[in-house]
């Protein structure tokens, strides 16, 4: 494998890690919004 391929691969792995982290944050936000929505629906008949 050439140096360029290694560098490129490292960058891909880094980007993948960043996307996984972003996804976890988004999933947490979605769960929070779902809970808020349930509470709101409970208040509004």
C-alpha atoms as a PDB file:
ATOM      1  CA  UNK A   1       0.000   0.000   0.000  1.00  0.00           C
ATOM      2  CA  UNK A   2       1.338   3.426  -0.866  1.00  0.00           C
ATOM      3  CA  UNK A   3       1.681   6.305   1.554  1.00  0.00           C
ATOM      4  CA  UNK A   4      -1.219   8.085  -0.156  1.00  0.00           C
ATOM      5  CA  UNK A   5      -3.527   5.096   0.340  1.00  0.00           C
ATOM      6  CA  UNK A   6      -2.621   4.903   4.019  1.00  0.00           C
ATOM      7  CA  UNK A   7      -3.290   8.588   4.517  1.00  0.00           C
ATOM      8  CA  UNK A   8      -6.560   8.328   2.639  1.00  0.00           C
ATOM      9  CA  UNK A   9      -7.609   5.286   4.673  1.00  0.00           C
ATOM     10  CA  UNK A  10      -6.807   7.040   7.949  1.00  0.00           C
ATOM     11  CA  UNK A  11      -8.931   9.967   6.871  1.00  0.00           C
ATOM     12  CA  UNK A  12     -11.831   7.658   5.964  1.00  0.00           C
ATOM     13  CA  UNK A  13     -11.640   5.948   9.362  1.00  0.00           C
ATOM     14  CA  UNK A  14     -11.519   9.352  11.057  1.00  0.00           C
ATOM     15  CA  UNK A  15     -14.552  10.566   9.080  1.00  0.00           C
ATOM     16  CA  UNK A  16     -16.432   7.366   9.887  1.00  0.00           C
ATOM     17  CA  UNK A  17     -15.725   7.870  13.593  1.00  0.00           C
ATOM     18  CA  UNK A  18     -17.001  11.431  13.365  1.00  0.00           C
ATOM     19  CA  UNK A  19     -20.202  10.305  11.623  1.00  0.00           C
ATOM     20  CA  UNK A  20     -20.802   7.609  14.244  1.00  0.00           C
ATOM     21  CA  UNK A  21     -20.395  10.223  16.973  1.00  0.00           C
ATOM     22  CA  UNK A  22     -22.789  12.596  15.164  1.00  0.00           C
ATOM     23  CA  UNK A  23     -25.324   9.763  14.813  1.00  0.00           C
ATOM     24  CA  UNK A  24     -25.185   9.001  18.543  1.00  0.00           C
ATOM     25  CA  UNK A  25     -25.790  12.664  19.353  1.00  0.00           C
ATOM     26  CA  UNK A  26     -28.728  12.791  16.923  1.00  0.00           C
ATOM     27  CA  UNK A  27     -30.217   9.588  18.359  1.00  0.00           C
ATOM     28  CA  UNK A  28     -30.044  11.069  21.866  1.00  0.00           C
ATOM     29  CA  UNK A  29     -31.776  14.230  20.652  1.00  0.00           C
ATOM     30  CA  UNK A  30     -34.498  12.202  18.913  1.00  0.00           C
ATOM     31  CA  UNK A  31     -35.157  10.233  22.120  1.00  0.00           C
ATOM     32  CA  UNK A  32     -35.369  13.483  24.078  1.00  0.00           C
ATOM     33  CA  UNK A  33     -37.821  14.976  21.565  1.00  0.00           C
ATOM     34  CA  UNK A  34     -39.942  11.796  21.613  1.00  0.00           C
ATOM     35  CA  UNK A  35     -40.215  12.036  25.412  1.00  0.00           C
ATOM     36  CA  UNK A  36     -41.137  15.720  25.195  1.00  0.00           C
ATOM     37  CA  UNK A  37     -43.727  14.914  22.535  1.00  0.00           C
ATOM     38  CA  UNK A  38     -45.281  12.224  24.762  1.00  0.00           C
ATOM     39  CA  UNK A  39     -45.467  14.699  27.647  1.00  0.00           C
ATOM     40  CA  UNK A  40     -47.005  17.327  25.382  1.00  0.00           C
ATOM     41  CA  UNK A  41     -49.599  14.872  24.064  1.00  0.00           C
ATOM     42  CA  UNK A  42     -50.443  13.903  27.657  1.00  0.00           C
ATOM     43  CA  UNK A  43     -51.103  17.548  28.534  1.00  0.00           C
ATOM     44  CA  UNK A  44     -53.172  18.339  25.437  1.00  0.00           C
ATOM     45  CA  UNK A  45     -56.368  16.276  25.431  1.00  0.00           C
END
